[in-house]
Amino acid sequence: MRGLRKLLAAAALLSFALPANAQEVVTHFGFSFPLKIGVLTRSDVTDFEKSNPGVGYGIRYVAEGIRVDIFVYDHGKRTISEDIFSSDQKEIFDASIQAIHLGKQRGLYRDVKEGQEFETPALKNPFFRCKVIVIDRGGGNVEDSVLCLGARNDKFFKTRISFPPHGANVVERADKLMREIARATNF
């Protein structure tokens, strides 16, 4: 009888559990993407690699008022410098900023304004180069966005963070979040 109760209790718990893929840590190119990073919850994982080799994977995390998209890819390069000021990373960083401006030209955004550039962590050898960008999507939908780029394991690790508009200390909030992301993903 006791064994039956335990079995039924376990079955009840399992029936309320999230699907297995939502519970596990997802790993791509040596980076781990847990279900939770601080207040963020992983919502989507997109495999771009299978149809477009070199384009990698996209992982989205969300929390109230915050969206984080992480892209891990290599663009077909065999080696990628970990130096955030290397030509490899400068090229991808500049192209990523330009892609946001192209969104405005294509009508996706009403306005795009570049803000402060910074490195995180702000140490001798920072992991990520970042830029604040204010994006107006029209209809009163404005967001403080932060684009960050780094590289490890011969892969680019690009992060796009979207915060509610006009928040205080965007750089500090992004820096804190990027440190959490780096720790949680084994960057």
C-alpha atoms as a PDB file:
ATOM      1  CA  MET A   1       0.000   0.000   0.000  1.00  0.00           C
ATOM      2  CA  ARG A   2       2.822   2.356   0.913  1.00  0.00           C
ATOM      3  CA  GLY A   3       4.570   1.649  -2.396  1.00  0.00           C
ATOM      4  CA  LEU A   4       1.362   2.317  -4.306  1.00  0.00           C
ATOM      5  CA  ARG A   5       0.957   5.690  -2.561  1.00  0.00           C
ATOM      6  CA  LYS A   6       4.514   6.663  -3.455  1.00  0.00           C
ATOM      7  CA  LEU A   7       3.962   5.594  -7.048  1.00  0.00           C
ATOM      8  CA  LEU A   8       0.722   7.593  -7.311  1.00  0.00           C
ATOM      9  CA  ALA A   9       2.335  10.645  -5.713  1.00  0.00           C
ATOM     10  CA  ALA A  10       5.240  10.457  -8.146  1.00  0.00           C
ATOM     11  CA  ALA A  11       2.855  10.085 -11.098  1.00  0.00           C
ATOM     12  CA  ALA A  12       0.854  13.106  -9.927  1.00  0.00           C
ATOM     13  CA  LEU A  13       3.992  15.192  -9.637  1.00  0.00           C
ATOM     14  CA  LEU A  14       5.179  14.120 -13.060  1.00  0.00           C
ATOM     15  CA  SER A  15       1.853  14.978 -14.649  1.00  0.00           C
ATOM     16  CA  PHE A  16       2.239  18.565 -13.455  1.00  0.00           C
ATOM     17  CA  ALA A  17       5.872  18.813 -14.445  1.00  0.00           C
ATOM     18  CA  LEU A  18       7.043  20.810 -17.405  1.00  0.00           C
ATOM     19  CA  PRO A  19       8.042  18.961 -20.565  1.00  0.00           C
ATOM     20  CA  ALA A  20      11.488  17.425 -20.285  1.00  0.00           C
ATOM     21  CA  ASN A  21      13.025  19.813 -22.813  1.00  0.00           C
ATOM     22  CA  ALA A  22      11.927  22.772 -20.675  1.00  0.00           C
ATOM     23  CA  GLN A  23      13.672  21.320 -17.617  1.00  0.00           C
ATOM     24  CA  GLU A  24      16.998  20.320 -19.018  1.00  0.00           C
ATOM     25  CA  VAL A  25      20.057  22.404 -19.669  1.00  0.00           C
ATOM     26  CA  VAL A  26      20.440  22.964 -23.395  1.00  0.00           C
ATOM     27  CA  THR A  27      24.057  22.883 -24.615  1.00  0.00           C
ATOM     28  CA  HIS A  28      25.352  24.291 -27.896  1.00  0.00           C
ATOM     29  CA  PHE A  29      29.017  24.619 -28.864  1.00  0.00           C
ATOM     30  CA  GLY A  30      30.135  24.077 -25.262  1.00  0.00           C
ATOM     31  CA  PHE A  31      27.842  26.746 -23.781  1.00  0.00           C
ATOM     32  CA  SER A  32      25.140  25.688 -21.316  1.00  0.00           C
ATOM     33  CA  PHE A  33      21.734  27.346 -21.388  1.00  0.00           C
ATOM     34  CA  PRO A  34      19.829  26.481 -18.202  1.00  0.00           C
ATOM     35  CA  LEU A  35      16.085  26.920 -17.844  1.00  0.00           C
ATOM     36  CA  LYS A  36      16.663  29.897 -15.506  1.00  0.00           C
ATOM     37  CA  ILE A  37      19.290  32.629 -15.392  1.00  0.00           C
ATOM     38  CA  GLY A  38      18.477  34.834 -12.414  1.00  0.00           C
ATOM     39  CA  VAL A  39      14.945  36.157 -13.013  1.00  0.00           C
ATOM     40  CA  LEU A  40      15.027  35.112 -16.677  1.00  0.00           C
ATOM     41  CA  THR A  41      13.342  31.966 -17.976  1.00  0.00           C
ATOM     42  CA  ARG A  42      14.389  30.276 -21.201  1.00  0.00           C
ATOM     43  CA  SER A  43      11.481  30.354 -23.641  1.00  0.00           C
ATOM     44  CA  ASP A  44      12.709  29.446 -27.126  1.00  0.00           C
ATOM     45  CA  VAL A  45      15.673  27.669 -28.670  1.00  0.00           C
ATOM     46  CA  THR A  46      16.067  27.979 -32.440  1.00  0.00           C
ATOM     47  CA  ASP A  47      18.415  25.781 -34.467  1.00  0.00           C
ATOM     48  CA  PHE A  48      19.559  27.911 -37.418  1.00  0.00           C
ATOM     49  CA  GLU A  49      22.581  25.644 -37.879  1.00  0.00           C
ATOM     50  CA  LYS A  50      20.749  22.710 -39.475  1.00  0.00           C
ATOM     51  CA  SER A  51      19.469  24.763 -42.424  1.00  0.00           C
ATOM     52  CA  ASN A  52      22.234  27.408 -42.507  1.00  0.00           C
ATOM     53  CA  PRO A  53      25.579  26.064 -41.260  1.00  0.00           C
ATOM     54  CA  GLY A  54      27.579  28.787 -39.557  1.00  0.00           C
ATOM     55  CA  VAL A  55      24.494  30.683 -38.366  1.00  0.00           C
ATOM     56  CA  GLY A  56      24.279  28.658 -35.144  1.00  0.00           C
ATOM     57  CA  TYR A  57      21.600  28.791 -32.480  1.00  0.00           C
ATOM     58  CA  GLY A  58      19.317  31.392 -30.956  1.00  0.00           C
ATOM     59  CA  ILE A  59      18.200  31.154 -27.350  1.00  0.00           C
ATOM     60  CA  ARG A  60      15.567  33.504 -25.902  1.00  0.00           C
ATOM     61  CA  TYR A  61      15.108  34.295 -22.226  1.00  0.00           C
ATOM     62  CA  VAL A  62      12.282  36.413 -20.827  1.00  0.00           C
ATOM     63  CA  ALA A  63      11.204  38.019 -17.569  1.00  0.00           C
ATOM     64  CA  GLU A  64       8.678  40.718 -16.836  1.00  0.00           C
ATOM     65  CA  GLY A  65       9.703  43.663 -19.027  1.00  0.00           C
ATOM     66  CA  ILE A  66      12.983  42.058 -20.149  1.00  0.00           C
ATOM     67  CA  ARG A  67      13.819  40.004 -23.235  1.00  0.00           C
ATOM     68  CA  VAL A  68      17.253  38.534 -23.929  1.00  0.00           C
ATOM     69  CA  ASP A  69      18.177  36.911 -27.228  1.00  0.00           C
ATOM     70  CA  ILE A  70      21.489  35.042 -27.336  1.00  0.00           C
ATOM     71  CA  PHE A  71      23.019  33.933 -30.624  1.00  0.00           C
ATOM     72  CA  VAL A  72      25.958  31.514 -30.763  1.00  0.00           C
ATOM     73  CA  TYR A  73      27.546  31.034 -34.198  1.00  0.00           C
ATOM     74  CA  ASP A  74      30.788  31.034 -36.179  1.00  0.00           C
ATOM     75  CA  HIS A  75      29.903  32.364 -39.668  1.00  0.00           C
ATOM     76  CA  GLY A  76      31.935  29.462 -41.043  1.00  0.00           C
ATOM     77  CA  LYS A  77      35.200  30.655 -39.466  1.00  0.00           C
ATOM     78  CA  ARG A  78      37.470  27.978 -38.032  1.00  0.00           C
ATOM     79  CA  THR A  79      39.070  30.269 -35.467  1.00  0.00           C
ATOM     80  CA  ILE A  80      37.685  33.364 -33.776  1.00  0.00           C
ATOM     81  CA  SER A  81      39.721  35.590 -31.492  1.00  0.00           C
ATOM     82  CA  GLU A  82      38.502  36.016 -27.912  1.00  0.00           C
ATOM     83  CA  ASP A  83      39.854  39.596 -27.937  1.00  0.00           C
ATOM     84  CA  ILE A  84      36.808  41.886 -28.102  1.00  0.00           C
ATOM     85  CA  PHE A  85      38.872  44.438 -30.053  1.00  0.00           C
ATOM     86  CA  SER A  86      40.108  41.938 -32.665  1.00  0.00           C
ATOM     87  CA  SER A  87      39.231  42.462 -36.331  1.00  0.00           C
ATOM     88  CA  ASP A  88      36.906  39.400 -36.231  1.00  0.00           C
ATOM     89  CA  GLN A  89      34.843  40.791 -33.401  1.00  0.00           C
ATOM     90  CA  LYS A  90      34.964  44.406 -34.610  1.00  0.00           C
ATOM     91  CA  GLU A  91      33.583  43.327 -37.985  1.00  0.00           C
ATOM     92  CA  ILE A  92      30.680  41.376 -36.443  1.00  0.00           C
ATOM     93  CA  PHE A  93      29.956  44.068 -33.832  1.00  0.00           C
ATOM     94  CA  ASP A  94      29.804  46.826 -36.465  1.00  0.00           C
ATOM     95  CA  ALA A  95      27.675  44.653 -38.788  1.00  0.00           C
ATOM     96  CA  SER A  96      25.267  43.914 -35.920  1.00  0.00           C
ATOM     97  CA  ILE A  97      24.811  47.631 -35.191  1.00  0.00           C
ATOM     98  CA  GLN A  98      24.335  48.277 -38.910  1.00  0.00           C
ATOM     99  CA  ALA A  99      21.678  45.533 -39.092  1.00  0.00           C
ATOM    100  CA  ILE A 100      19.658  47.386 -36.454  1.00  0.00           C
ATOM    101  CA  HIS A 101      19.871  50.585 -38.521  1.00  0.00           C
ATOM    102  CA  LEU A 102      18.775  48.604 -41.592  1.00  0.00           C
ATOM    103  CA  GLY A 103      15.679  47.630 -39.608  1.00  0.00           C
ATOM    104  CA  LYS A 104      14.783  51.319 -39.522  1.00  0.00           C
ATOM    105  CA  GLN A 105      15.387  51.695 -43.273  1.00  0.00           C
ATOM    106  CA  ARG A 106      13.134  48.707 -43.938  1.00  0.00           C
ATOM    107  CA  GLY A 107      10.358  50.134 -41.765  1.00  0.00           C
ATOM    108  CA  LEU A 108      10.719  47.630 -38.938  1.00  0.00           C
ATOM    109  CA  TYR A 109      11.659  50.439 -36.533  1.00  0.00           C
ATOM    110  CA  ARG A 110      10.478  54.036 -36.498  1.00  0.00           C
ATOM    111  CA  ASP A 111      13.750  55.307 -35.042  1.00  0.00           C
ATOM    112  CA  VAL A 112      17.112  53.999 -33.820  1.00  0.00           C
ATOM    113  CA  LYS A 113      19.477  56.021 -31.611  1.00  0.00           C
ATOM    114  CA  GLU A 114      22.891  54.769 -30.590  1.00  0.00           C
ATOM    115  CA  GLY A 115      23.978  55.410 -27.027  1.00  0.00           C
ATOM    116  CA  GLN A 116      26.899  54.578 -24.777  1.00  0.00           C
ATOM    117  CA  GLU A 117      29.437  51.911 -25.667  1.00  0.00           C
ATOM    118  CA  PHE A 118      31.026  49.927 -22.841  1.00  0.00           C
ATOM    119  CA  GLU A 119      32.848  46.703 -22.009  1.00  0.00           C
ATOM    120  CA  THR A 120      31.796  44.124 -19.467  1.00  0.00           C
ATOM    121  CA  PRO A 121      33.091  43.209 -17.070  1.00  0.00           C
ATOM    122  CA  ALA A 122      35.007  46.491 -16.907  1.00  0.00           C
ATOM    123  CA  LEU A 123      38.321  44.792 -16.160  1.00  0.00           C
ATOM    124  CA  LYS A 124      41.706  44.486 -17.811  1.00  0.00           C
ATOM    125  CA  ASN A 125      40.399  41.782 -20.182  1.00  0.00           C
ATOM    126  CA  PRO A 126      36.644  42.291 -20.668  1.00  0.00           C
ATOM    127  CA  PHE A 127      34.510  39.461 -22.094  1.00  0.00           C
ATOM    128  CA  PHE A 128      31.986  41.549 -24.029  1.00  0.00           C
ATOM    129  CA  ARG A 129      31.849  44.776 -25.993  1.00  0.00           C
ATOM    130  CA  CYS A 130      28.399  46.379 -25.691  1.00  0.00           C
ATOM    131  CA  LYS A 131      26.383  49.294 -27.029  1.00  0.00           C
ATOM    132  CA  VAL A 132      23.145  50.846 -25.804  1.00  0.00           C
ATOM    133  CA  ILE A 133      20.594  51.480 -28.565  1.00  0.00           C
ATOM    134  CA  VAL A 134      17.194  53.111 -28.069  1.00  0.00           C
ATOM    135  CA  ILE A 135      14.704  51.565 -30.495  1.00  0.00           C
ATOM    136  CA  ASP A 136      11.331  53.119 -31.288  1.00  0.00           C
ATOM    137  CA  ARG A 137       9.097  50.477 -32.844  1.00  0.00           C
ATOM    138  CA  GLY A 138       6.273  52.986 -33.361  1.00  0.00           C
ATOM    139  CA  GLY A 139       2.939  53.249 -31.628  1.00  0.00           C
ATOM    140  CA  GLY A 140       4.591  54.279 -28.376  1.00  0.00           C
ATOM    141  CA  ASN A 141       6.600  51.046 -28.212  1.00  0.00           C
ATOM    142  CA  VAL A 142      10.120  52.180 -27.244  1.00  0.00           C
ATOM    143  CA  GLU A 143      12.811  49.983 -25.703  1.00  0.00           C
ATOM    144  CA  ASP A 144      16.281  50.413 -24.314  1.00  0.00           C
ATOM    145  CA  SER A 145      18.252  47.747 -26.134  1.00  0.00           C
ATOM    146  CA  VAL A 146      21.799  46.618 -25.417  1.00  0.00           C
ATOM    147  CA  LEU A 147      23.827  44.674 -27.967  1.00  0.00           C
ATOM    148  CA  CYS A 148      26.843  42.757 -26.603  1.00  0.00           C
ATOM    149  CA  LEU A 149      29.380  40.619 -28.452  1.00  0.00           C
ATOM    150  CA  GLY A 150      32.112  38.327 -27.221  1.00  0.00           C
ATOM    151  CA  ALA A 151      33.718  35.077 -28.367  1.00  0.00           C
ATOM    152  CA  ARG A 152      34.737  31.779 -26.776  1.00  0.00           C
ATOM    153  CA  ASN A 153      35.242  28.245 -28.086  1.00  0.00           C
ATOM    154  CA  ASP A 154      35.793  29.728 -31.585  1.00  0.00           C
ATOM    155  CA  LYS A 155      32.182  30.951 -31.598  1.00  0.00           C
ATOM    156  CA  PHE A 156      30.690  34.410 -31.511  1.00  0.00           C
ATOM    157  CA  PHE A 157      28.361  34.947 -28.543  1.00  0.00           C
ATOM    158  CA  LYS A 158      26.025  37.825 -29.326  1.00  0.00           C
ATOM    159  CA  THR A 159      23.410  39.032 -26.870  1.00  0.00           C
ATOM    160  CA  ARG A 160      20.589  41.491 -27.425  1.00  0.00           C
ATOM    161  CA  ILE A 161      18.892  42.689 -24.233  1.00  0.00           C
ATOM    162  CA  SER A 162      15.637  44.674 -24.347  1.00  0.00           C
ATOM    163  CA  PHE A 163      14.588  46.670 -21.292  1.00  0.00           C
ATOM    164  CA  PRO A 164      11.518  48.874 -20.802  1.00  0.00           C
ATOM    165  CA  PRO A 165      12.217  52.449 -21.982  1.00  0.00           C
ATOM    166  CA  HIS A 166      13.755  55.228 -19.941  1.00  0.00           C
ATOM    167  CA  GLY A 167      14.948  52.948 -17.172  1.00  0.00           C
ATOM    168  CA  ALA A 168      17.673  54.109 -14.847  1.00  0.00           C
ATOM    169  CA  ASN A 169      21.222  52.870 -15.270  1.00  0.00           C
ATOM    170  CA  VAL A 170      20.818  50.809 -18.457  1.00  0.00           C
ATOM    171  CA  VAL A 171      24.572  50.166 -18.564  1.00  0.00           C
ATOM    172  CA  GLU A 172      24.658  48.941 -14.945  1.00  0.00           C
ATOM    173  CA  ARG A 173      21.635  46.686 -15.464  1.00  0.00           C
ATOM    174  CA  ALA A 174      23.092  45.261 -18.680  1.00  0.00           C
ATOM    175  CA  ASP A 175      26.496  44.755 -17.055  1.00  0.00           C
ATOM    176  CA  LYS A 176      24.921  42.853 -14.154  1.00  0.00           C
ATOM    177  CA  LEU A 177      22.815  40.734 -16.505  1.00  0.00           C
ATOM    178  CA  MET A 178      25.766  39.949 -18.795  1.00  0.00           C
ATOM    179  CA  ARG A 179      27.799  38.781 -15.790  1.00  0.00           C
ATOM    180  CA  GLU A 180      24.936  36.448 -14.805  1.00  0.00           C
ATOM    181  CA  ILE A 181      24.660  35.176 -18.384  1.00  0.00           C
ATOM    182  CA  ALA A 182      28.421  34.583 -18.632  1.00  0.00           C
ATOM    183  CA  ARG A 183      28.419  32.631 -15.356  1.00  0.00           C
ATOM    184  CA  ALA A 184      25.321  30.561 -16.147  1.00  0.00           C
ATOM    185  CA  THR A 185      26.353  29.652 -19.702  1.00  0.00           C
ATOM    186  CA  ASN A 186      29.977  28.787 -18.826  1.00  0.00           C
ATOM    187  CA  PHE A 187      31.169  31.582 -21.115  1.00  0.00           C
END
